[in-house]
Structure formats: structure tokens, C-alpha cells
Amino acid sequence: MYFYIIFDNIISMKSIFDNPNFGEFKLNSRIVRTGLWESQDELQKNLSADIFLRYETLAKNNVGLITTELISMYTHDRFSDYTHYINSPNFVREFKEVTSIVNQYNVPIFAQVGFVNCNVNGKQMLEVNDLTIEDIRKIQADYLMTAKKVAFAGFDGIQLSIGNNYYLSRIMNPFENQRTDDYGGNTYNRVRIVLEIIKLIKKTTNLHVNCRVNLYQDEEDSLEICKLLADNGADSLQITKFLSPQYFRKGQDNQNMLVDFKDRVAI
């Protein structure tokens, strides 16, 4: 389980428990709970009692905002055996209970969605440069359907997991994306698939759209990606790294790199 804190320019321990504005939300604190994958689904993929208890414990103990563990969009994905699954028959019913529990403490909750391996249109393990336009449209349609289910389940927002090494982060990566069509080349084209997904979600739902996005090796390109997302409908960003948070070690030169980059994004 991971937490982070919403920063302004200067923050003290006392002000961590202020009530900041976060988009359309008034939060109970600056503490945001963000999850990777830590599900305790039962064998039949139903939510266990421990999961409901976990979310209630978080909500009633001064957390400002909760983001769920990963909700996998596809079966046979890299983490699908350990995560919630958007196409579970009980997804809306069970997560509506989760969101109701959290919202009774005036805490907003976002659904984190994404995938690692691309298995669409009967194809398996598609690489970024092998996607056809039909494949891209299928992915976008799946995100739209996912967003609708998330909205039906009572979530306040959706987090597009397009950082770390999730599939869409690879499309946005200038070193991996070597496409020569409208979805490759310059920064805008590499982000285009995500911008179109955001537009669909905003047109169809009232969800707050948060993007969990990488700080890539090219910091200037990363800055442009963040600005494109913000200018094209993303309501908030979570800046991450393409490797695990364990990549950061106390005393290393890069331990403050995300904080420093955050200051540039906020300008």
C-alpha cells in the first residue's frame, strides 16, 4: 500500500491535515492513498470481507482521497490473477458497496484501471509498433466501457494507469514507439491514443479523470506529455516512474526527482 501527499509550495506537518481543494473535491486531508495490486479476492474473484474493511478503515482515518488497487481490463493480463477485474459479473454490485462505504466519510474514491499485456481482437501480446488502427479503436472502446462501469459503480473518478510499465506508457515512450502513422513520432501523436480516451470518458461520464503518468528519461518530453494531458481534459496527474517505487533509495541522487519535476509541471 502506498500513500502520497498533495503539496502546494511549502507544507508543514500541521497542514497535512488541512482541507485542500482537489479539483471539484474538498478533501479531509492532503493524504492520498494509491494502490498497486494487493487484492484479496476470493477464488471466484469476489471481493473478500477484508477488502471492504480495508477501505472503511482508510476512509475513516483522515485519508483525503483513495485510489483503488489496479482493476485489470483484460483476462490473462500480467497481473490479472492478483487484481480486480472489470468484467467480473459482480463488479458493479460489489464496488458500489465499496464506494458507498468510502463516500459516507466524505472521501472521494477513484478506480485505477489499466493493462500491461495487449491481447485484443484475437491477438496475443501485441507490441506497440504492431497495433493496427482497428486494434487502437478496440482499446479505446474498452476504456470507454470500463469508464461506464466505473461510473455505474459509484466511483468519483477514474485513474488511467499510463505510467510505470503499463501498456499505454509504452505507446507514449519515445524510445519504444517507432510508429510512422498518427500514433507515433512527435509527442502529441504518441499521446494521441490517451487524449482520445480522455475525450470519450469526459463526453460520456462525469468522472474526474486522473492520469498516472511517467517521468521518462527525456524530462522535456515528459513535461510536454503532462501539459498535453492537462490541456486536453485530464483533471489531475500523478507523476510516477517507469520502474517500481522501490527504484528510489534514500541517499541516491534521484531521490527527489519526482518532487523537482512536480514543480515544473505546476508552473
C-alpha atoms as a PDB file:
ATOM      1  CA  MET A   1       0.000   0.000   0.000  1.00  0.00           C
ATOM      2  CA  TYR A   2       1.359   3.419  -0.936  1.00  0.00           C
ATOM      3  CA  PHE A   3       0.464   6.928   0.164  1.00  0.00           C
ATOM      4  CA  TYR A   4       1.473  10.323  -1.137  1.00  0.00           C
ATOM      5  CA  ILE A   5       0.748  13.879  -0.075  1.00  0.00           C
ATOM      6  CA  ILE A   6      -0.749  16.728  -2.102  1.00  0.00           C
ATOM      7  CA  PHE A   7       1.791  19.551  -1.962  1.00  0.00           C
ATOM      8  CA  ASP A   8       1.483  23.256  -2.560  1.00  0.00           C
ATOM      9  CA  ASN A   9       4.780  25.146  -2.439  1.00  0.00           C
ATOM     10  CA  ILE A  10       5.520  24.918   1.279  1.00  0.00           C
ATOM     11  CA  ILE A  11       3.846  22.439   3.569  1.00  0.00           C
ATOM     12  CA  SER A  12       4.238  21.601   7.258  1.00  0.00           C
ATOM     13  CA  MET A  13       3.216  18.504   9.143  1.00  0.00           C
ATOM     14  CA  LYS A  14       0.355  20.522  10.611  1.00  0.00           C
ATOM     15  CA  SER A  15      -1.032  21.459   7.215  1.00  0.00           C
ATOM     16  CA  ILE A  16      -1.085  17.838   6.022  1.00  0.00           C
ATOM     17  CA  PHE A  17      -4.446  17.661   7.772  1.00  0.00           C
ATOM     18  CA  ASP A  18      -5.810  20.827   6.189  1.00  0.00           C
ATOM     19  CA  ASN A  19      -8.838  20.557   3.910  1.00  0.00           C
ATOM     20  CA  PRO A  20      -7.418  21.344   0.459  1.00  0.00           C
ATOM     21  CA  ASN A  21      -9.360  21.710  -2.747  1.00  0.00           C
ATOM     22  CA  PHE A  22      -8.603  18.989  -5.284  1.00  0.00           C
ATOM     23  CA  GLY A  23     -10.458  19.773  -8.468  1.00  0.00           C
ATOM     24  CA  GLU A  24     -14.139  19.638  -7.609  1.00  0.00           C
ATOM     25  CA  PHE A  25     -13.460  17.914  -4.268  1.00  0.00           C
ATOM     26  CA  LYS A  26     -12.902  19.318  -0.782  1.00  0.00           C
ATOM     27  CA  LEU A  27     -10.629  16.770   0.879  1.00  0.00           C
ATOM     28  CA  ASN A  28     -10.385  15.801   4.546  1.00  0.00           C
ATOM     29  CA  SER A  29      -6.568  15.940   4.336  1.00  0.00           C
ATOM     30  CA  ARG A  30      -3.711  16.083   1.839  1.00  0.00           C
ATOM     31  CA  ILE A  31      -3.048  12.350   2.186  1.00  0.00           C
ATOM     32  CA  VAL A  32      -3.837  10.298  -0.909  1.00  0.00           C
ATOM     33  CA  ARG A  33      -3.868   6.542  -0.753  1.00  0.00           C
ATOM     34  CA  THR A  34      -2.729   4.954  -4.008  1.00  0.00           C
ATOM     35  CA  GLY A  35      -2.556   1.219  -4.607  1.00  0.00           C
ATOM     36  CA  LEU A  36      -0.644  -1.106  -6.901  1.00  0.00           C
ATOM     37  CA  TRP A  37      -2.063  -4.596  -6.629  1.00  0.00           C
ATOM     38  CA  GLU A  38      -2.814  -6.123  -3.285  1.00  0.00           C
ATOM     39  CA  SER A  39      -6.218  -7.715  -3.768  1.00  0.00           C
ATOM     40  CA  GLN A  40      -7.604 -10.347  -1.512  1.00  0.00           C
ATOM     41  CA  ASP A  41     -10.165 -11.629  -3.965  1.00  0.00           C
ATOM     42  CA  GLU A  42     -11.658 -14.999  -3.253  1.00  0.00           C
ATOM     43  CA  LEU A  43     -11.025 -17.795  -5.735  1.00  0.00           C
ATOM     44  CA  GLN A  44     -14.231 -16.950  -7.577  1.00  0.00           C
ATOM     45  CA  LYS A  45     -12.938 -13.324  -7.838  1.00  0.00           C
ATOM     46  CA  ASN A  46     -15.485 -11.902  -5.427  1.00  0.00           C
ATOM     47  CA  LEU A  47     -14.323  -9.194  -3.025  1.00  0.00           C
ATOM     48  CA  SER A  48     -13.451 -10.586   0.387  1.00  0.00           C
ATOM     49  CA  ALA A  49     -14.621  -9.107   3.678  1.00  0.00           C
ATOM     50  CA  ASP A  50     -11.064  -7.891   4.310  1.00  0.00           C
ATOM     51  CA  ILE A  51     -11.268  -5.605   1.282  1.00  0.00           C
ATOM     52  CA  PHE A  52     -14.430  -3.868   2.497  1.00  0.00           C
ATOM     53  CA  LEU A  53     -12.852  -3.470   5.945  1.00  0.00           C
ATOM     54  CA  ARG A  54      -9.634  -2.078   4.432  1.00  0.00           C
ATOM     55  CA  TYR A  55     -11.462   0.668   2.566  1.00  0.00           C
ATOM     56  CA  GLU A  56     -13.587   1.623   5.550  1.00  0.00           C
ATOM     57  CA  THR A  57     -10.504   1.794   7.784  1.00  0.00           C
ATOM     58  CA  LEU A  58      -8.788   4.096   5.306  1.00  0.00           C
ATOM     59  CA  ALA A  59     -11.805   6.345   4.816  1.00  0.00           C
ATOM     60  CA  LYS A  60     -12.488   6.963   8.494  1.00  0.00           C
ATOM     61  CA  ASN A  61      -8.868   7.709   9.405  1.00  0.00           C
ATOM     62  CA  ASN A  62      -8.216  11.083   7.769  1.00  0.00           C
ATOM     63  CA  VAL A  63      -7.286   9.946   4.270  1.00  0.00           C
ATOM     64  CA  GLY A  64      -8.197  12.685   1.821  1.00  0.00           C
ATOM     65  CA  LEU A  65      -8.583  10.633  -1.351  1.00  0.00           C
ATOM     66  CA  ILE A  66      -8.464   6.927  -2.141  1.00  0.00           C
ATOM     67  CA  THR A  67      -7.368   5.283  -5.368  1.00  0.00           C
ATOM     68  CA  THR A  68      -8.115   1.581  -5.640  1.00  0.00           C
ATOM     69  CA  GLU A  69      -5.714  -1.194  -6.367  1.00  0.00           C
ATOM     70  CA  LEU A  70      -5.354  -1.968 -10.046  1.00  0.00           C
ATOM     71  CA  ILE A  71      -8.534  -3.031 -11.807  1.00  0.00           C
ATOM     72  CA  SER A  72      -7.448  -5.130 -14.758  1.00  0.00           C
ATOM     73  CA  MET A  73      -9.190  -4.524 -18.079  1.00  0.00           C
ATOM     74  CA  TYR A  74      -8.379  -7.891 -19.629  1.00  0.00           C
ATOM     75  CA  THR A  75      -8.153 -11.531 -18.608  1.00  0.00           C
ATOM     76  CA  HIS A  76      -4.758 -13.193 -18.969  1.00  0.00           C
ATOM     77  CA  ASP A  77      -3.010  -9.904 -18.325  1.00  0.00           C
ATOM     78  CA  ARG A  78       0.240  -9.878 -16.382  1.00  0.00           C
ATOM     79  CA  PHE A  79      -1.374  -9.159 -13.021  1.00  0.00           C
ATOM     80  CA  SER A  80      -4.918 -10.353 -13.694  1.00  0.00           C
ATOM     81  CA  ASP A  81      -4.635 -13.271 -11.265  1.00  0.00           C
ATOM     82  CA  TYR A  82      -3.913 -10.831  -8.444  1.00  0.00           C
ATOM     83  CA  THR A  83      -6.187  -7.927  -9.250  1.00  0.00           C
ATOM     84  CA  HIS A  84      -9.805  -6.981  -9.527  1.00  0.00           C
ATOM     85  CA  TYR A  85     -11.299  -7.486 -12.976  1.00  0.00           C
ATOM     86  CA  ILE A  86     -13.569  -5.007 -14.741  1.00  0.00           C
ATOM     87  CA  ASN A  87     -15.585  -7.732 -16.483  1.00  0.00           C
ATOM     88  CA  SER A  88     -16.322  -9.670 -13.325  1.00  0.00           C
ATOM     89  CA  PRO A  89     -20.095 -10.351 -13.218  1.00  0.00           C
ATOM     90  CA  ASN A  90     -20.230  -8.824  -9.742  1.00  0.00           C
ATOM     91  CA  PHE A  91     -18.012  -5.799 -10.390  1.00  0.00           C
ATOM     92  CA  VAL A  92     -20.664  -3.066 -10.286  1.00  0.00           C
ATOM     93  CA  ARG A  93     -22.603  -4.548  -7.371  1.00  0.00           C
ATOM     94  CA  GLU A  94     -19.563  -5.196  -5.161  1.00  0.00           C
ATOM     95  CA  PHE A  95     -17.736  -1.966  -5.890  1.00  0.00           C
ATOM     96  CA  LYS A  96     -20.915   0.031  -5.409  1.00  0.00           C
ATOM     97  CA  GLU A  97     -20.767  -1.206  -1.836  1.00  0.00           C
ATOM     98  CA  VAL A  98     -17.100  -0.150  -1.593  1.00  0.00           C
ATOM     99  CA  THR A  99     -17.809   3.349  -2.920  1.00  0.00           C
ATOM    100  CA  SER A 100     -20.814   3.727  -0.604  1.00  0.00           C
ATOM    101  CA  ILE A 101     -18.663   2.803   2.396  1.00  0.00           C
ATOM    102  CA  VAL A 102     -15.964   5.305   1.450  1.00  0.00           C
ATOM    103  CA  ASN A 103     -18.307   8.143   0.478  1.00  0.00           C
ATOM    104  CA  GLN A 104     -20.138   8.037   3.814  1.00  0.00           C
ATOM    105  CA  TYR A 105     -16.944   9.503   5.315  1.00  0.00           C
ATOM    106  CA  ASN A 106     -16.894  12.257   2.661  1.00  0.00           C
ATOM    107  CA  VAL A 107     -13.872  10.711   0.971  1.00  0.00           C
ATOM    108  CA  PRO A 108     -13.784  10.526  -2.852  1.00  0.00           C
ATOM    109  CA  ILE A 109     -12.568   7.312  -4.433  1.00  0.00           C
ATOM    110  CA  PHE A 110     -11.037   6.733  -7.864  1.00  0.00           C
ATOM    111  CA  ALA A 111     -10.855   3.444  -9.766  1.00  0.00           C
ATOM    112  CA  GLN A 112      -7.361   2.687 -11.066  1.00  0.00           C
ATOM    113  CA  VAL A 113      -7.637   0.911 -14.429  1.00  0.00           C
ATOM    114  CA  GLY A 114      -5.145  -0.318 -16.985  1.00  0.00           C
ATOM    115  CA  PHE A 115      -3.362  -3.261 -18.523  1.00  0.00           C
ATOM    116  CA  VAL A 116       0.176  -4.463 -19.225  1.00  0.00           C
ATOM    117  CA  ASN A 117      -0.159  -7.054 -21.981  1.00  0.00           C
ATOM    118  CA  CYS A 118      -2.204  -6.194 -25.057  1.00  0.00           C
ATOM    119  CA  ASN A 119      -4.499  -9.049 -26.084  1.00  0.00           C
ATOM    120  CA  VAL A 120      -7.213  -7.625 -28.342  1.00  0.00           C
ATOM    121  CA  ASN A 121      -9.071  -8.686 -31.478  1.00  0.00           C
ATOM    122  CA  GLY A 122      -7.981 -12.290 -31.009  1.00  0.00           C
ATOM    123  CA  LYS A 123      -4.288 -11.348 -30.979  1.00  0.00           C
ATOM    124  CA  GLN A 124      -1.893 -12.044 -28.139  1.00  0.00           C
ATOM    125  CA  MET A 125       0.958  -9.971 -26.671  1.00  0.00           C
ATOM    126  CA  LEU A 126       0.780  -7.212 -29.275  1.00  0.00           C
ATOM    127  CA  GLU A 127       3.762  -4.884 -29.387  1.00  0.00           C
ATOM    128  CA  VAL A 128       3.259  -1.127 -29.628  1.00  0.00           C
ATOM    129  CA  ASN A 129       4.507  -0.886 -33.196  1.00  0.00           C
ATOM    130  CA  ASP A 130       2.293  -3.761 -34.385  1.00  0.00           C
ATOM    131  CA  LEU A 131      -1.052  -2.231 -33.375  1.00  0.00           C
ATOM    132  CA  THR A 132      -3.434  -1.629 -36.256  1.00  0.00           C
ATOM    133  CA  ILE A 133      -5.907   1.264 -36.210  1.00  0.00           C
ATOM    134  CA  GLU A 134      -8.611  -1.344 -35.578  1.00  0.00           C
ATOM    135  CA  ASP A 135      -6.677  -2.530 -32.510  1.00  0.00           C
ATOM    136  CA  ILE A 136      -6.366   1.045 -31.244  1.00  0.00           C
ATOM    137  CA  ARG A 137     -10.108   1.614 -31.653  1.00  0.00           C
ATOM    138  CA  LYS A 138     -10.794  -1.604 -29.740  1.00  0.00           C
ATOM    139  CA  ILE A 139      -8.595  -0.457 -26.851  1.00  0.00           C
ATOM    140  CA  GLN A 140     -10.353   2.908 -26.786  1.00  0.00           C
ATOM    141  CA  ALA A 141     -13.782   1.264 -26.853  1.00  0.00           C
ATOM    142  CA  ASP A 142     -12.732  -0.962 -23.955  1.00  0.00           C
ATOM    143  CA  TYR A 143     -11.646   2.072 -21.933  1.00  0.00           C
ATOM    144  CA  LEU A 144     -14.993   3.724 -22.598  1.00  0.00           C
ATOM    145  CA  MET A 145     -16.895   0.639 -21.447  1.00  0.00           C
ATOM    146  CA  THR A 146     -14.628   0.424 -18.403  1.00  0.00           C
ATOM    147  CA  ALA A 147     -15.347   4.062 -17.528  1.00  0.00           C
ATOM    148  CA  LYS A 148     -19.098   3.478 -17.802  1.00  0.00           C
ATOM    149  CA  LYS A 149     -18.896   0.524 -15.402  1.00  0.00           C
ATOM    150  CA  VAL A 150     -16.754   2.579 -13.028  1.00  0.00           C
ATOM    151  CA  ALA A 151     -19.384   5.345 -13.085  1.00  0.00           C
ATOM    152  CA  PHE A 152     -22.228   2.859 -12.543  1.00  0.00           C
ATOM    153  CA  ALA A 153     -20.345   1.521  -9.507  1.00  0.00           C
ATOM    154  CA  GLY A 154     -20.410   4.955  -7.901  1.00  0.00           C
ATOM    155  CA  PHE A 155     -16.774   5.977  -8.238  1.00  0.00           C
ATOM    156  CA  ASP A 156     -15.977   9.681  -8.145  1.00  0.00           C
ATOM    157  CA  GLY A 157     -13.144   9.391 -10.619  1.00  0.00           C
ATOM    158  CA  ILE A 158     -11.041   7.121 -12.771  1.00  0.00           C
ATOM    159  CA  GLN A 159      -7.266   6.848 -12.755  1.00  0.00           C
ATOM    160  CA  LEU A 160      -5.793   5.893 -16.115  1.00  0.00           C
ATOM    161  CA  SER A 161      -2.722   3.859 -15.260  1.00  0.00           C
ATOM    162  CA  ILE A 162      -0.472   5.079 -18.061  1.00  0.00           C
ATOM    163  CA  GLY A 163       2.759   5.100 -16.072  1.00  0.00           C
ATOM    164  CA  ASN A 164       5.252   2.568 -14.743  1.00  0.00           C
ATOM    165  CA  ASN A 165       5.373  -0.091 -17.476  1.00  0.00           C
ATOM    166  CA  TYR A 166       1.671  -0.304 -18.300  1.00  0.00           C
ATOM    167  CA  TYR A 167       0.850  -0.651 -21.966  1.00  0.00           C
ATOM    168  CA  LEU A 168      -0.186   2.908 -22.755  1.00  0.00           C
ATOM    169  CA  SER A 169       3.004   4.200 -21.135  1.00  0.00           C
ATOM    170  CA  ARG A 170       4.906   2.197 -23.721  1.00  0.00           C
ATOM    171  CA  ILE A 171       2.961   3.843 -26.553  1.00  0.00           C
ATOM    172  CA  MET A 172       3.907   7.225 -25.100  1.00  0.00           C
ATOM    173  CA  ASN A 173       7.567   6.271 -24.660  1.00  0.00           C
ATOM    174  CA  PRO A 174       9.655   7.871 -27.461  1.00  0.00           C
ATOM    175  CA  PHE A 175      12.227   5.084 -27.246  1.00  0.00           C
ATOM    176  CA  GLU A 176       9.717   2.275 -27.714  1.00  0.00           C
ATOM    177  CA  ASN A 177       7.188   3.877 -30.065  1.00  0.00           C
ATOM    178  CA  GLN A 178       8.665   3.816 -33.565  1.00  0.00           C
ATOM    179  CA  ARG A 179       5.366   4.152 -35.414  1.00  0.00           C
ATOM    180  CA  THR A 180       5.173   6.337 -38.515  1.00  0.00           C
ATOM    181  CA  ASP A 181       1.403   6.969 -38.504  1.00  0.00           C
ATOM    182  CA  ASP A 182      -0.754   9.373 -36.473  1.00  0.00           C
ATOM    183  CA  TYR A 183       0.076   7.455 -33.282  1.00  0.00           C
ATOM    184  CA  GLY A 184       3.850   7.762 -33.474  1.00  0.00           C
ATOM    185  CA  GLY A 185       6.609  10.275 -33.987  1.00  0.00           C
ATOM    186  CA  ASN A 186       6.147  13.603 -32.206  1.00  0.00           C
ATOM    187  CA  THR A 187       4.954  13.915 -28.632  1.00  0.00           C
ATOM    188  CA  TYR A 188       1.356  14.765 -29.500  1.00  0.00           C
ATOM    189  CA  ASN A 189       0.986  11.718 -31.741  1.00  0.00           C
ATOM    190  CA  ARG A 190       2.385   9.387 -29.086  1.00  0.00           C
ATOM    191  CA  VAL A 191      -0.089  10.744 -26.537  1.00  0.00           C
ATOM    192  CA  ARG A 192      -2.968  10.859 -29.026  1.00  0.00           C
ATOM    193  CA  ILE A 193      -4.461   7.482 -28.028  1.00  0.00           C
ATOM    194  CA  VAL A 194      -4.750   8.661 -24.415  1.00  0.00           C
ATOM    195  CA  LEU A 195      -6.109  12.098 -25.335  1.00  0.00           C
ATOM    196  CA  GLU A 196      -8.830  10.439 -27.401  1.00  0.00           C
ATOM    197  CA  ILE A 197      -9.663   8.120 -24.496  1.00  0.00           C
ATOM    198  CA  ILE A 198      -9.949  11.076 -22.118  1.00  0.00           C
ATOM    199  CA  LYS A 199     -12.242  12.887 -24.555  1.00  0.00           C
ATOM    200  CA  LEU A 200     -14.534   9.845 -24.758  1.00  0.00           C
ATOM    201  CA  ILE A 201     -14.684   9.473 -20.978  1.00  0.00           C
ATOM    202  CA  LYS A 202     -15.408  13.162 -20.394  1.00  0.00           C
ATOM    203  CA  LYS A 203     -18.102  13.180 -23.076  1.00  0.00           C
ATOM    204  CA  THR A 204     -19.856  10.119 -21.655  1.00  0.00           C
ATOM    205  CA  THR A 205     -19.424  10.340 -17.869  1.00  0.00           C
ATOM    206  CA  ASN A 206     -18.985  12.893 -15.083  1.00  0.00           C
ATOM    207  CA  LEU A 207     -15.895  11.149 -13.723  1.00  0.00           C
ATOM    208  CA  HIS A 208     -12.845  13.074 -12.574  1.00  0.00           C
ATOM    209  CA  VAL A 209     -10.039  11.839 -14.853  1.00  0.00           C
ATOM    210  CA  ASN A 210      -6.674  11.345 -13.177  1.00  0.00           C
ATOM    211  CA  CYS A 211      -3.643  10.156 -15.140  1.00  0.00           C
ATOM    212  CA  ARG A 212      -0.817   8.265 -13.504  1.00  0.00           C
ATOM    213  CA  VAL A 213       1.962   9.220 -15.904  1.00  0.00           C
ATOM    214  CA  ASN A 214       5.700   8.574 -16.184  1.00  0.00           C
ATOM    215  CA  LEU A 215       8.617  10.878 -15.808  1.00  0.00           C
ATOM    216  CA  TYR A 216      10.597   9.445 -18.734  1.00  0.00           C
ATOM    217  CA  GLN A 217      14.335   9.773 -19.308  1.00  0.00           C
ATOM    218  CA  ASP A 218      13.694  12.787 -21.543  1.00  0.00           C
ATOM    219  CA  GLU A 219      12.388  15.275 -18.990  1.00  0.00           C
ATOM    220  CA  GLU A 220      11.384  17.877 -21.568  1.00  0.00           C
ATOM    221  CA  ASP A 221       9.307  15.325 -23.461  1.00  0.00           C
ATOM    222  CA  SER A 222       7.740  14.240 -20.168  1.00  0.00           C
ATOM    223  CA  LEU A 223       6.856  17.834 -19.370  1.00  0.00           C
ATOM    224  CA  GLU A 224       5.181  18.226 -22.751  1.00  0.00           C
ATOM    225  CA  ILE A 225       3.213  14.999 -22.181  1.00  0.00           C
ATOM    226  CA  CYS A 226       1.914  16.316 -18.854  1.00  0.00           C
ATOM    227  CA  LYS A 227       0.883  19.631 -20.378  1.00  0.00           C
ATOM    228  CA  LEU A 228      -0.886  17.877 -23.268  1.00  0.00           C
ATOM    229  CA  LEU A 229      -2.842  15.732 -20.816  1.00  0.00           C
ATOM    230  CA  ALA A 230      -3.799  18.757 -18.712  1.00  0.00           C
ATOM    231  CA  ASP A 231      -4.799  20.803 -21.758  1.00  0.00           C
ATOM    232  CA  ASN A 232      -6.934  18.003 -23.187  1.00  0.00           C
ATOM    233  CA  GLY A 233      -9.200  17.042 -20.323  1.00  0.00           C
ATOM    234  CA  ALA A 234      -7.136  15.381 -17.588  1.00  0.00           C
ATOM    235  CA  ASP A 235      -8.323  16.825 -14.266  1.00  0.00           C
ATOM    236  CA  SER A 236      -5.240  15.797 -12.285  1.00  0.00           C
ATOM    237  CA  LEU A 237      -1.932  13.978 -12.676  1.00  0.00           C
ATOM    238  CA  GLN A 238       0.069  11.588 -10.541  1.00  0.00           C
ATOM    239  CA  ILE A 239       3.715  11.647 -11.628  1.00  0.00           C
ATOM    240  CA  THR A 240       5.493   8.315 -11.315  1.00  0.00           C
ATOM    241  CA  LYS A 241       8.497   6.484 -12.768  1.00  0.00           C
ATOM    242  CA  PHE A 242       8.635   3.661 -15.255  1.00  0.00           C
ATOM    243  CA  LEU A 243      10.104   1.390 -12.586  1.00  0.00           C
ATOM    244  CA  SER A 244       8.742   0.393  -9.182  1.00  0.00           C
ATOM    245  CA  PRO A 245       8.722   2.987  -6.358  1.00  0.00           C
ATOM    246  CA  GLN A 246      11.416   0.760  -4.862  1.00  0.00           C
ATOM    247  CA  TYR A 247      13.654   2.270  -7.561  1.00  0.00           C
ATOM    248  CA  PHE A 248      14.111   5.246  -5.235  1.00  0.00           C
ATOM    249  CA  ARG A 249      16.565   4.801  -2.387  1.00  0.00           C
ATOM    250  CA  LYS A 250      17.373   7.255   0.366  1.00  0.00           C
ATOM    251  CA  GLY A 251      20.665   8.965  -0.314  1.00  0.00           C
ATOM    252  CA  GLN A 252      20.609   8.441  -4.073  1.00  0.00           C
ATOM    253  CA  ASP A 253      20.891  11.384  -6.432  1.00  0.00           C
ATOM    254  CA  ASN A 254      17.408  10.760  -7.838  1.00  0.00           C
ATOM    255  CA  GLN A 255      15.502  10.536  -4.569  1.00  0.00           C
ATOM    256  CA  ASN A 256      13.845  13.953  -5.087  1.00  0.00           C
ATOM    257  CA  MET A 257      13.446  13.796  -8.858  1.00  0.00           C
ATOM    258  CA  LEU A 258       9.654  13.485  -8.815  1.00  0.00           C
ATOM    259  CA  VAL A 259       9.274  16.367  -6.364  1.00  0.00           C
ATOM    260  CA  ASP A 260      11.526  18.553  -8.501  1.00  0.00           C
ATOM    261  CA  PHE A 261       9.633  17.613 -11.660  1.00  0.00           C
ATOM    262  CA  LYS A 262       6.325  18.327  -9.955  1.00  0.00           C
ATOM    263  CA  ASP A 263       7.396  21.939  -9.511  1.00  0.00           C
ATOM    264  CA  ARG A 264       7.950  22.266 -13.270  1.00  0.00           C
ATOM    265  CA  VAL A 265       4.579  20.700 -14.112  1.00  0.00           C
ATOM    266  CA  ALA A 266       2.776  23.040 -11.721  1.00  0.00           C
ATOM    267  CA  ILE A 267       4.069  26.214 -13.399  1.00  0.00           C
END
